[in-house]
Amino acid sequence: MTKHFNIEIKARCSEHDKIRNEILKFNIAIFKGIDYQTDTYFNVNFGRLKLREGNIENYLVFYERENTEGPKQSNVIIYENCQTSTLQDVVTKSLGKFVEVYKKREIFFIENVKFHLDTVKDLGTFVEIEAIDKDGDIGKDKLLEQCNYYLNIFGIDTKDLIACSYSDMISNKNMKKSE
């Protein structure tokens, strides 16, 4: 289990090719692969708890984050899981499912900064930037500086920034359908 904090942004993005090309201009960029993920969010009293199941990433993740546009801090606890685990059953039976999010995710790293090019079922296409401080030695100011740097490099317009999680967006969409 690991604990860390990060500064992250999420934005609508119809130009995955442009962002991908900008990332790959950095000689130190690492492409981790394309992950087909199901994120199951569970009913909790505070924060968010999700089980991520993919062909690359498999984690139980608890995080606390404000719903604000632009770069925001997340406090994260991650438990690495295996694909054949029965953890989904245990957590579903004890807490109940809130919502499921299905996405195709391209994953890149430049040093401590993780990039996601996401295509989310029923929502569209997005980019996420996560500046991660695993050991507590980078600091919030540097992480914020990194996020803003890549926002500028990618030319992301502030009107495209998203304040909430995909789970909130799916939940809101489902509520509107039922009205």
N, C-alpha and C. Protein backbone atom coordinates (compact mmCIF):
# COMPACT_ATOMS: atom_id res chain seq x y z
N MET A 1 0.85 -1.16 0.00
CA MET A 1 0.00 0.00 0.00
C MET A 1 0.90 1.23 0.00
N THR A 2 0.54 2.20 -0.81
CA THR A 2 1.31 3.44 -0.86
C THR A 2 0.39 4.63 -0.60
N LYS A 3 0.96 5.66 0.01
CA LYS A 3 0.27 6.93 0.23
C LYS A 3 1.09 8.01 -0.45
N HIS A 4 0.42 8.90 -1.12
CA HIS A 4 1.11 10.04 -1.70
C HIS A 4 0.10 11.14 -1.98
N PHE A 5 0.61 12.27 -2.41
CA PHE A 5 -0.31 13.30 -2.87
C PHE A 5 0.14 13.75 -4.25
N ASN A 6 -0.80 14.29 -4.97
CA ASN A 6 -0.48 14.80 -6.29
C ASN A 6 -1.28 16.05 -6.57
N ILE A 7 -0.86 16.74 -7.60
CA ILE A 7 -1.63 17.84 -8.16
C ILE A 7 -2.05 17.37 -9.54
N GLU A 8 -3.32 17.53 -9.85
CA GLU A 8 -3.81 17.00 -11.12
C GLU A 8 -4.80 17.94 -11.79
N ILE A 9 -4.92 17.76 -13.08
CA ILE A 9 -5.94 18.46 -13.85
C ILE A 9 -6.61 17.44 -14.77
N LYS A 10 -7.83 17.73 -15.11
CA LYS A 10 -8.57 16.95 -16.10
C LYS A 10 -9.23 17.96 -17.03
N ALA A 11 -9.19 17.68 -18.33
CA ALA A 11 -9.79 18.60 -19.29
C ALA A 11 -10.38 17.83 -20.46
N ARG A 12 -11.44 18.37 -21.00
CA ARG A 12 -11.96 17.84 -22.26
C ARG A 12 -10.89 18.05 -23.31
N CYS A 13 -10.75 17.09 -24.22
CA CYS A 13 -9.69 17.19 -25.22
C CYS A 13 -10.07 16.37 -26.44
N SER A 14 -10.25 17.04 -27.55
CA SER A 14 -10.56 16.34 -28.79
C SER A 14 -9.31 16.13 -29.65
N GLU A 15 -8.15 16.55 -29.12
CA GLU A 15 -6.91 16.50 -29.89
C GLU A 15 -5.87 15.58 -29.25
N HIS A 16 -6.22 14.31 -29.08
CA HIS A 16 -5.28 13.35 -28.50
C HIS A 16 -4.00 13.26 -29.31
N ASP A 17 -4.09 13.31 -30.63
CA ASP A 17 -2.88 13.22 -31.47
C ASP A 17 -1.93 14.36 -31.17
N LYS A 18 -2.44 15.57 -31.02
CA LYS A 18 -1.62 16.74 -30.72
C LYS A 18 -0.93 16.57 -29.36
N ILE A 19 -1.68 16.17 -28.34
CA ILE A 19 -1.12 16.00 -26.99
C ILE A 19 -0.07 14.89 -27.00
N ARG A 20 -0.39 13.77 -27.62
CA ARG A 20 0.55 12.64 -27.71
C ARG A 20 1.86 13.09 -28.36
N ASN A 21 1.77 13.84 -29.45
CA ASN A 21 2.97 14.33 -30.14
C ASN A 21 3.78 15.27 -29.25
N GLU A 22 3.11 16.13 -28.48
CA GLU A 22 3.81 17.03 -27.56
C GLU A 22 4.55 16.25 -26.48
N ILE A 23 3.90 15.23 -25.94
CA ILE A 23 4.54 14.39 -24.90
C ILE A 23 5.77 13.71 -25.48
N LEU A 24 5.63 13.15 -26.66
CA LEU A 24 6.72 12.36 -27.25
C LEU A 24 7.89 13.21 -27.73
N LYS A 25 7.72 14.54 -27.78
CA LYS A 25 8.83 15.42 -28.11
C LYS A 25 9.89 15.40 -27.01
N PHE A 26 9.48 15.04 -25.79
CA PHE A 26 10.42 14.95 -24.68
C PHE A 26 11.14 13.60 -24.77
N ASN A 27 12.47 13.63 -24.88
CA ASN A 27 13.25 12.39 -25.03
C ASN A 27 13.08 11.43 -23.86
N ILE A 28 12.69 11.96 -22.71
CA ILE A 28 12.56 11.10 -21.53
C ILE A 28 11.14 10.58 -21.34
N ALA A 29 10.24 10.87 -22.29
CA ALA A 29 8.86 10.39 -22.18
C ALA A 29 8.83 8.86 -22.29
N ILE A 30 8.02 8.26 -21.44
CA ILE A 30 7.85 6.80 -21.44
C ILE A 30 6.38 6.49 -21.71
N PHE A 31 6.13 5.67 -22.73
CA PHE A 31 4.78 5.20 -23.04
C PHE A 31 4.58 3.87 -22.33
N LYS A 32 3.62 3.83 -21.39
CA LYS A 32 3.36 2.60 -20.62
C LYS A 32 2.41 1.66 -21.34
N GLY A 33 1.61 2.20 -22.25
CA GLY A 33 0.71 1.34 -23.00
C GLY A 33 -0.71 1.88 -23.01
N ILE A 34 -1.58 1.07 -23.63
CA ILE A 34 -3.01 1.38 -23.69
C ILE A 34 -3.71 0.42 -22.74
N ASP A 35 -4.47 0.99 -21.82
CA ASP A 35 -5.16 0.21 -20.80
C ASP A 35 -6.66 0.36 -21.02
N TYR A 36 -7.36 -0.76 -21.03
CA TYR A 36 -8.82 -0.76 -21.08
C TYR A 36 -9.27 -0.98 -19.65
N GLN A 37 -9.85 0.07 -19.05
CA GLN A 37 -10.11 0.06 -17.62
C GLN A 37 -11.59 0.13 -17.30
N THR A 38 -11.95 -0.58 -16.25
CA THR A 38 -13.24 -0.41 -15.60
C THR A 38 -12.95 0.10 -14.20
N ASP A 39 -13.47 1.27 -13.90
CA ASP A 39 -13.36 1.84 -12.56
C ASP A 39 -14.72 1.70 -11.89
N THR A 40 -14.77 0.91 -10.83
CA THR A 40 -16.00 0.76 -10.06
C THR A 40 -15.88 1.62 -8.82
N TYR A 41 -16.76 2.60 -8.71
CA TYR A 41 -16.79 3.49 -7.55
C TYR A 41 -17.81 2.95 -6.56
N PHE A 42 -17.47 3.05 -5.28
CA PHE A 42 -18.31 2.49 -4.23
C PHE A 42 -18.90 3.60 -3.37
N ASN A 43 -19.99 3.27 -2.70
CA ASN A 43 -20.64 4.20 -1.79
C ASN A 43 -19.78 4.38 -0.55
N VAL A 44 -19.35 5.60 -0.29
CA VAL A 44 -18.55 5.92 0.90
C VAL A 44 -19.06 7.23 1.50
N ASN A 45 -18.75 7.44 2.79
CA ASN A 45 -19.22 8.64 3.49
C ASN A 45 -18.45 9.89 3.11
N PHE A 46 -17.18 9.75 2.75
CA PHE A 46 -16.37 10.90 2.33
C PHE A 46 -15.29 10.40 1.39
N GLY A 47 -14.76 11.31 0.59
CA GLY A 47 -13.75 10.93 -0.39
C GLY A 47 -14.35 10.05 -1.48
N ARG A 48 -13.47 9.35 -2.17
CA ARG A 48 -13.89 8.42 -3.22
C ARG A 48 -13.10 7.13 -3.06
N LEU A 49 -13.79 6.02 -3.30
CA LEU A 49 -13.16 4.70 -3.28
C LEU A 49 -13.50 4.02 -4.59
N LYS A 50 -12.45 3.63 -5.33
CA LYS A 50 -12.69 2.98 -6.61
C LYS A 50 -11.77 1.77 -6.75
N LEU A 51 -12.28 0.79 -7.45
CA LEU A 51 -11.49 -0.37 -7.84
C LEU A 51 -11.22 -0.23 -9.32
N ARG A 52 -9.95 -0.10 -9.68
CA ARG A 52 -9.56 0.00 -11.08
C ARG A 52 -9.12 -1.38 -11.55
N GLU A 53 -9.77 -1.84 -12.63
CA GLU A 53 -9.42 -3.13 -13.22
C GLU A 53 -9.07 -2.91 -14.68
N GLY A 54 -7.81 -3.21 -15.03
CA GLY A 54 -7.36 -3.02 -16.39
C GLY A 54 -6.32 -4.05 -16.76
N ASN A 55 -5.80 -3.94 -17.98
CA ASN A 55 -4.74 -4.86 -18.39
C ASN A 55 -3.37 -4.35 -17.97
N ILE A 56 -3.26 -3.09 -17.52
CA ILE A 56 -1.99 -2.53 -17.01
C ILE A 56 -2.12 -2.18 -15.53
N GLU A 57 -3.15 -1.43 -15.18
CA GLU A 57 -3.32 -0.96 -13.80
C GLU A 57 -4.47 -1.70 -13.12
N ASN A 58 -4.18 -2.19 -11.91
CA ASN A 58 -5.18 -2.86 -11.08
C ASN A 58 -4.97 -2.42 -9.64
N TYR A 59 -5.83 -1.52 -9.17
CA TYR A 59 -5.66 -0.92 -7.85
C TYR A 59 -7.01 -0.72 -7.17
N LEU A 60 -6.97 -0.76 -5.86
CA LEU A 60 -8.04 -0.20 -5.05
C LEU A 60 -7.51 1.16 -4.61
N VAL A 61 -8.26 2.21 -4.90
CA VAL A 61 -7.77 3.58 -4.67
C VAL A 61 -8.78 4.34 -3.82
N PHE A 62 -8.30 4.91 -2.73
CA PHE A 62 -9.09 5.86 -1.96
C PHE A 62 -8.43 7.22 -2.15
N TYR A 63 -9.24 8.24 -2.45
CA TYR A 63 -8.67 9.57 -2.57
C TYR A 63 -9.65 10.64 -2.13
N GLU A 64 -9.06 11.73 -1.67
CA GLU A 64 -9.80 12.93 -1.29
C GLU A 64 -9.32 14.06 -2.18
N ARG A 65 -10.29 14.76 -2.78
CA ARG A 65 -9.95 15.86 -3.68
C ARG A 65 -11.14 16.80 -3.77
N GLU A 66 -10.86 18.09 -3.79
CA GLU A 66 -11.92 19.07 -3.99
C GLU A 66 -12.34 19.07 -5.45
N ASN A 67 -13.61 19.35 -5.70
CA ASN A 67 -14.09 19.51 -7.06
C ASN A 67 -13.93 20.96 -7.47
N THR A 68 -12.73 21.29 -7.96
CA THR A 68 -12.45 22.63 -8.45
C THR A 68 -11.78 22.51 -9.81
N GLU A 69 -12.04 23.48 -10.67
CA GLU A 69 -11.40 23.47 -11.98
C GLU A 69 -9.94 23.85 -11.83
N GLY A 70 -9.14 23.39 -12.77
CA GLY A 70 -7.72 23.69 -12.74
C GLY A 70 -6.97 22.72 -11.87
N PRO A 71 -5.69 22.98 -11.63
CA PRO A 71 -4.89 22.07 -10.81
C PRO A 71 -5.43 21.99 -9.39
N LYS A 72 -5.53 20.76 -8.88
CA LYS A 72 -6.05 20.54 -7.54
C LYS A 72 -5.29 19.41 -6.86
N GLN A 73 -5.20 19.47 -5.55
CA GLN A 73 -4.47 18.47 -4.79
C GLN A 73 -5.37 17.27 -4.50
N SER A 74 -4.79 16.07 -4.62
CA SER A 74 -5.44 14.83 -4.21
C SER A 74 -4.56 14.13 -3.20
N ASN A 75 -5.16 13.62 -2.15
CA ASN A 75 -4.48 12.77 -1.19
C ASN A 75 -4.93 11.35 -1.49
N VAL A 76 -3.97 10.47 -1.76
CA VAL A 76 -4.27 9.17 -2.35
C VAL A 76 -3.67 8.04 -1.52
N ILE A 77 -4.44 6.98 -1.38
CA ILE A 77 -3.96 5.72 -0.82
C ILE A 77 -4.26 4.65 -1.87
N ILE A 78 -3.22 3.91 -2.27
CA ILE A 78 -3.36 2.90 -3.32
C ILE A 78 -2.97 1.53 -2.80
N TYR A 79 -3.84 0.56 -3.07
CA TYR A 79 -3.56 -0.85 -2.77
C TYR A 79 -3.46 -1.57 -4.10
N GLU A 80 -2.30 -2.14 -4.39
CA GLU A 80 -2.12 -2.85 -5.66
C GLU A 80 -2.87 -4.18 -5.60
N ASN A 81 -3.66 -4.43 -6.59
CA ASN A 81 -4.52 -5.60 -6.67
C ASN A 81 -4.10 -6.45 -7.86
N CYS A 82 -4.55 -7.69 -7.91
CA CYS A 82 -4.29 -8.53 -9.08
C CYS A 82 -5.59 -8.74 -9.85
N GLN A 83 -5.48 -9.05 -11.12
CA GLN A 83 -6.66 -9.17 -11.98
C GLN A 83 -7.62 -10.27 -11.54
N THR A 84 -7.12 -11.30 -10.90
CA THR A 84 -7.98 -12.43 -10.54
C THR A 84 -8.54 -12.33 -9.12
N SER A 85 -8.38 -11.20 -8.49
CA SER A 85 -8.81 -10.99 -7.11
C SER A 85 -10.34 -11.00 -6.99
N THR A 86 -10.80 -11.35 -5.80
CA THR A 86 -12.24 -11.28 -5.50
C THR A 86 -12.56 -9.99 -4.73
N LEU A 87 -11.64 -9.04 -4.75
CA LEU A 87 -11.83 -7.79 -4.03
C LEU A 87 -13.11 -7.07 -4.46
N GLN A 88 -13.42 -7.09 -5.74
CA GLN A 88 -14.65 -6.45 -6.24
C GLN A 88 -15.87 -6.98 -5.48
N ASP A 89 -15.96 -8.30 -5.32
CA ASP A 89 -17.10 -8.90 -4.61
C ASP A 89 -17.17 -8.44 -3.16
N VAL A 90 -16.03 -8.44 -2.50
CA VAL A 90 -15.98 -8.07 -1.08
C VAL A 90 -16.44 -6.63 -0.89
N VAL A 91 -15.88 -5.72 -1.68
CA VAL A 91 -16.20 -4.30 -1.49
C VAL A 91 -17.63 -4.00 -1.95
N THR A 92 -18.08 -4.63 -3.03
CA THR A 92 -19.45 -4.42 -3.50
C THR A 92 -20.46 -4.89 -2.45
N LYS A 93 -20.24 -6.06 -1.88
CA LYS A 93 -21.17 -6.59 -0.87
C LYS A 93 -21.18 -5.75 0.40
N SER A 94 -20.04 -5.17 0.75
CA SER A 94 -19.97 -4.40 2.00
C SER A 94 -20.40 -2.94 1.84
N LEU A 95 -20.13 -2.32 0.69
CA LEU A 95 -20.42 -0.90 0.52
C LEU A 95 -21.47 -0.59 -0.54
N GLY A 96 -21.60 -1.44 -1.54
CA GLY A 96 -22.49 -1.17 -2.66
C GLY A 96 -21.81 -0.31 -3.72
N LYS A 97 -22.19 -0.54 -4.98
CA LYS A 97 -21.62 0.22 -6.08
C LYS A 97 -22.31 1.57 -6.22
N PHE A 98 -21.52 2.57 -6.50
CA PHE A 98 -22.04 3.90 -6.81
C PHE A 98 -22.23 4.03 -8.32
N VAL A 99 -21.15 3.77 -9.07
CA VAL A 99 -21.20 3.89 -10.53
C VAL A 99 -19.99 3.19 -11.12
N GLU A 100 -20.09 2.80 -12.39
CA GLU A 100 -18.95 2.22 -13.10
C GLU A 100 -18.58 3.13 -14.27
N VAL A 101 -17.27 3.25 -14.50
CA VAL A 101 -16.74 4.07 -15.58
C VAL A 101 -15.88 3.16 -16.46
N TYR A 102 -16.15 3.17 -17.76
CA TYR A 102 -15.40 2.36 -18.72
C TYR A 102 -14.60 3.29 -19.62
N LYS A 103 -13.30 2.99 -19.73
CA LYS A 103 -12.48 3.88 -20.56
C LYS A 103 -11.32 3.15 -21.21
N LYS A 104 -10.88 3.75 -22.30
CA LYS A 104 -9.61 3.39 -22.94
C LYS A 104 -8.65 4.48 -22.54
N ARG A 105 -7.48 4.08 -22.01
CA ARG A 105 -6.54 5.06 -21.49
C ARG A 105 -5.14 4.81 -22.03
N GLU A 106 -4.56 5.82 -22.66
CA GLU A 106 -3.14 5.79 -23.03
C GLU A 106 -2.38 6.41 -21.87
N ILE A 107 -1.32 5.72 -21.42
CA ILE A 107 -0.58 6.15 -20.24
C ILE A 107 0.86 6.50 -20.62
N PHE A 108 1.27 7.71 -20.25
CA PHE A 108 2.63 8.20 -20.48
C PHE A 108 3.20 8.76 -19.17
N PHE A 109 4.52 8.73 -19.06
CA PHE A 109 5.21 9.38 -17.94
C PHE A 109 6.34 10.25 -18.48
N ILE A 110 6.52 11.39 -17.86
CA ILE A 110 7.74 12.18 -17.97
C ILE A 110 8.16 12.43 -16.53
N GLU A 111 9.19 11.71 -16.11
CA GLU A 111 9.66 11.74 -14.72
C GLU A 111 8.50 11.44 -13.79
N ASN A 112 8.16 12.34 -12.87
CA ASN A 112 7.09 12.10 -11.90
C ASN A 112 5.71 12.52 -12.39
N VAL A 113 5.61 12.95 -13.64
CA VAL A 113 4.33 13.42 -14.17
C VAL A 113 3.73 12.35 -15.07
N LYS A 114 2.49 12.00 -14.75
CA LYS A 114 1.75 10.97 -15.48
C LYS A 114 0.69 11.64 -16.34
N PHE A 115 0.56 11.16 -17.58
CA PHE A 115 -0.40 11.71 -18.53
C PHE A 115 -1.36 10.61 -18.95
N HIS A 116 -2.63 10.94 -19.03
CA HIS A 116 -3.64 10.02 -19.52
C HIS A 116 -4.35 10.66 -20.70
N LEU A 117 -4.46 9.93 -21.78
CA LEU A 117 -5.33 10.31 -22.89
C LEU A 117 -6.50 9.34 -22.81
N ASP A 118 -7.64 9.83 -22.37
CA ASP A 118 -8.79 8.98 -22.06
C ASP A 118 -9.91 9.13 -23.07
N THR A 119 -10.49 7.99 -23.42
CA THR A 119 -11.75 7.95 -24.15
C THR A 119 -12.72 7.23 -23.22
N VAL A 120 -13.69 7.98 -22.69
CA VAL A 120 -14.58 7.47 -21.66
C VAL A 120 -15.96 7.21 -22.27
N LYS A 121 -16.43 5.99 -22.07
CA LYS A 121 -17.74 5.60 -22.61
C LYS A 121 -18.82 6.56 -22.11
N ASP A 122 -19.61 7.06 -23.03
CA ASP A 122 -20.73 7.96 -22.78
C ASP A 122 -20.33 9.38 -22.38
N LEU A 123 -19.02 9.68 -22.32
CA LEU A 123 -18.60 11.03 -21.93
C LEU A 123 -17.75 11.74 -22.97
N GLY A 124 -16.89 11.00 -23.69
CA GLY A 124 -16.04 11.63 -24.69
C GLY A 124 -14.57 11.45 -24.41
N THR A 125 -13.78 12.43 -24.88
CA THR A 125 -12.32 12.32 -24.79
C THR A 125 -11.76 13.40 -23.87
N PHE A 126 -10.71 13.01 -23.13
CA PHE A 126 -10.14 13.87 -22.09
C PHE A 126 -8.63 13.69 -22.03
N VAL A 127 -7.98 14.64 -21.37
CA VAL A 127 -6.58 14.51 -21.01
C VAL A 127 -6.49 14.75 -19.50
N GLU A 128 -5.64 13.98 -18.85
CA GLU A 128 -5.35 14.20 -17.43
C GLU A 128 -3.85 14.36 -17.26
N ILE A 129 -3.47 15.26 -16.38
CA ILE A 129 -2.08 15.46 -16.01
C ILE A 129 -2.01 15.28 -14.50
N GLU A 130 -1.15 14.37 -14.05
CA GLU A 130 -0.97 14.14 -12.61
C GLU A 130 0.51 14.31 -12.26
N ALA A 131 0.82 15.34 -11.51
CA ALA A 131 2.18 15.53 -10.98
C ALA A 131 2.20 14.86 -9.61
N ILE A 132 3.00 13.80 -9.46
CA ILE A 132 2.93 12.90 -8.32
C ILE A 132 4.15 13.08 -7.40
N ASP A 133 3.86 13.16 -6.11
CA ASP A 133 4.91 13.23 -5.09
C ASP A 133 4.79 12.00 -4.20
N LYS A 134 5.50 10.94 -4.57
CA LYS A 134 5.40 9.67 -3.83
C LYS A 134 6.12 9.70 -2.49
N ASP A 135 7.21 10.46 -2.40
CA ASP A 135 8.05 10.43 -1.20
C ASP A 135 7.94 11.70 -0.35
N GLY A 136 7.18 12.67 -0.81
CA GLY A 136 7.06 13.91 -0.07
C GLY A 136 8.24 14.84 -0.22
N ASP A 137 9.09 14.60 -1.23
CA ASP A 137 10.28 15.43 -1.37
C ASP A 137 10.20 16.43 -2.53
N ILE A 138 9.11 16.43 -3.27
CA ILE A 138 8.97 17.38 -4.39
C ILE A 138 8.26 18.65 -3.92
N GLY A 139 7.16 18.49 -3.23
CA GLY A 139 6.43 19.63 -2.70
C GLY A 139 5.32 20.13 -3.60
N LYS A 140 4.33 20.70 -2.97
CA LYS A 140 3.13 21.16 -3.66
C LYS A 140 3.42 22.23 -4.71
N ASP A 141 4.30 23.19 -4.37
CA ASP A 141 4.59 24.29 -5.31
C ASP A 141 5.19 23.77 -6.61
N LYS A 142 6.14 22.83 -6.52
CA LYS A 142 6.79 22.26 -7.70
C LYS A 142 5.77 21.46 -8.52
N LEU A 143 4.90 20.69 -7.85
CA LEU A 143 3.88 19.91 -8.56
C LEU A 143 2.92 20.83 -9.31
N LEU A 144 2.53 21.90 -8.68
CA LEU A 144 1.65 22.88 -9.32
C LEU A 144 2.33 23.51 -10.52
N GLU A 145 3.60 23.83 -10.37
CA GLU A 145 4.40 24.39 -11.47
C GLU A 145 4.44 23.41 -12.65
N GLN A 146 4.63 22.13 -12.36
CA GLN A 146 4.67 21.12 -13.42
C GLN A 146 3.34 21.03 -14.16
N CYS A 147 2.23 20.99 -13.42
CA CYS A 147 0.90 20.93 -14.06
C CYS A 147 0.68 22.13 -14.97
N ASN A 148 0.97 23.31 -14.45
CA ASN A 148 0.78 24.53 -15.24
C ASN A 148 1.68 24.56 -16.48
N TYR A 149 2.89 24.06 -16.34
CA TYR A 149 3.82 23.99 -17.47
C TYR A 149 3.21 23.16 -18.61
N TYR A 150 2.70 21.96 -18.27
CA TYR A 150 2.14 21.10 -19.31
C TYR A 150 0.81 21.62 -19.83
N LEU A 151 0.03 22.28 -18.99
CA LEU A 151 -1.20 22.93 -19.48
C LEU A 151 -0.85 23.90 -20.59
N ASN A 152 0.21 24.68 -20.37
CA ASN A 152 0.64 25.66 -21.38
C ASN A 152 1.20 24.98 -22.63
N ILE A 153 2.05 23.97 -22.44
CA ILE A 153 2.64 23.24 -23.58
C ILE A 153 1.54 22.66 -24.47
N PHE A 154 0.50 22.08 -23.82
CA PHE A 154 -0.57 21.43 -24.57
C PHE A 154 -1.60 22.42 -25.11
N GLY A 155 -1.53 23.66 -24.66
CA GLY A 155 -2.49 24.66 -25.12
C GLY A 155 -3.91 24.37 -24.66
N ILE A 156 -4.05 23.87 -23.45
CA ILE A 156 -5.39 23.54 -22.93
C ILE A 156 -6.08 24.82 -22.49
N ASP A 157 -7.26 25.03 -23.02
CA ASP A 157 -8.06 26.22 -22.72
C ASP A 157 -8.75 26.03 -21.36
N THR A 158 -8.78 27.08 -20.56
CA THR A 158 -9.40 26.98 -19.23
C THR A 158 -10.87 26.59 -19.30
N LYS A 159 -11.55 26.90 -20.40
CA LYS A 159 -12.96 26.52 -20.53
C LYS A 159 -13.14 25.00 -20.65
N ASP A 160 -12.05 24.27 -20.97
CA ASP A 160 -12.13 22.83 -21.12
C ASP A 160 -11.80 22.08 -19.82
N LEU A 161 -11.37 22.80 -18.78
CA LEU A 161 -11.03 22.15 -17.52
C LEU A 161 -12.27 21.58 -16.85
N ILE A 162 -12.10 20.42 -16.24
CA ILE A 162 -13.19 19.70 -15.57
C ILE A 162 -12.91 19.69 -14.07
N ALA A 163 -13.93 20.00 -13.28
CA ALA A 163 -13.76 20.07 -11.83
C ALA A 163 -13.97 18.73 -11.14
N CYS A 164 -14.80 17.87 -11.69
CA CYS A 164 -15.20 16.65 -10.98
C CYS A 164 -14.61 15.40 -11.62
N SER A 165 -14.90 14.27 -11.02
CA SER A 165 -14.39 12.99 -11.52
C SER A 165 -15.32 12.44 -12.60
N TYR A 166 -14.81 11.46 -13.35
CA TYR A 166 -15.66 10.78 -14.33
C TYR A 166 -16.87 10.16 -13.65
N SER A 167 -16.69 9.66 -12.43
CA SER A 167 -17.81 9.04 -11.71
C SER A 167 -18.93 10.05 -11.48
N ASP A 168 -18.57 11.28 -11.12
CA ASP A 168 -19.59 12.32 -10.93
C ASP A 168 -20.28 12.65 -12.24
N MET A 169 -19.51 12.70 -13.32
CA MET A 169 -20.09 13.03 -14.62
C MET A 169 -21.07 11.95 -15.07
N ILE A 170 -20.70 10.68 -14.88
CA ILE A 170 -21.59 9.56 -15.25
C ILE A 170 -22.82 9.58 -14.36
N SER A 171 -22.63 9.77 -13.06
CA SER A 171 -23.75 9.80 -12.12
C SER A 171 -24.73 10.92 -12.48
N ASN A 172 -24.20 12.12 -12.77
CA ASN A 172 -25.07 13.23 -13.16
C ASN A 172 -25.82 12.94 -14.45
N LYS A 173 -25.13 12.31 -15.38
CA LYS A 173 -25.78 11.96 -16.66
C LYS A 173 -26.91 10.95 -16.42
N ASN A 174 -26.64 9.95 -15.56
CA ASN A 174 -27.65 8.95 -15.25
C ASN A 174 -28.86 9.57 -14.54
N MET A 175 -28.61 10.54 -13.65
CA MET A 175 -29.70 11.20 -12.94
C MET A 175 -30.59 11.98 -13.91
N LYS A 176 -29.96 12.65 -14.89
CA LYS A 176 -30.73 13.42 -15.88
C LYS A 176 -31.59 12.50 -16.74
N LYS A 177 -31.05 11.29 -17.05
CA LYS A 177 -31.83 10.33 -17.84
C LYS A 177 -33.08 9.87 -17.10
N SER A 178 -32.98 9.73 -15.78
CA SER A 178 -34.08 9.20 -14.99
C SER A 178 -35.14 10.26 -14.66
N GLU A 179 -34.84 11.53 -14.95
CA GLU A 179 -35.81 12.60 -14.63
C GLU A 179 -36.91 12.67 -15.67
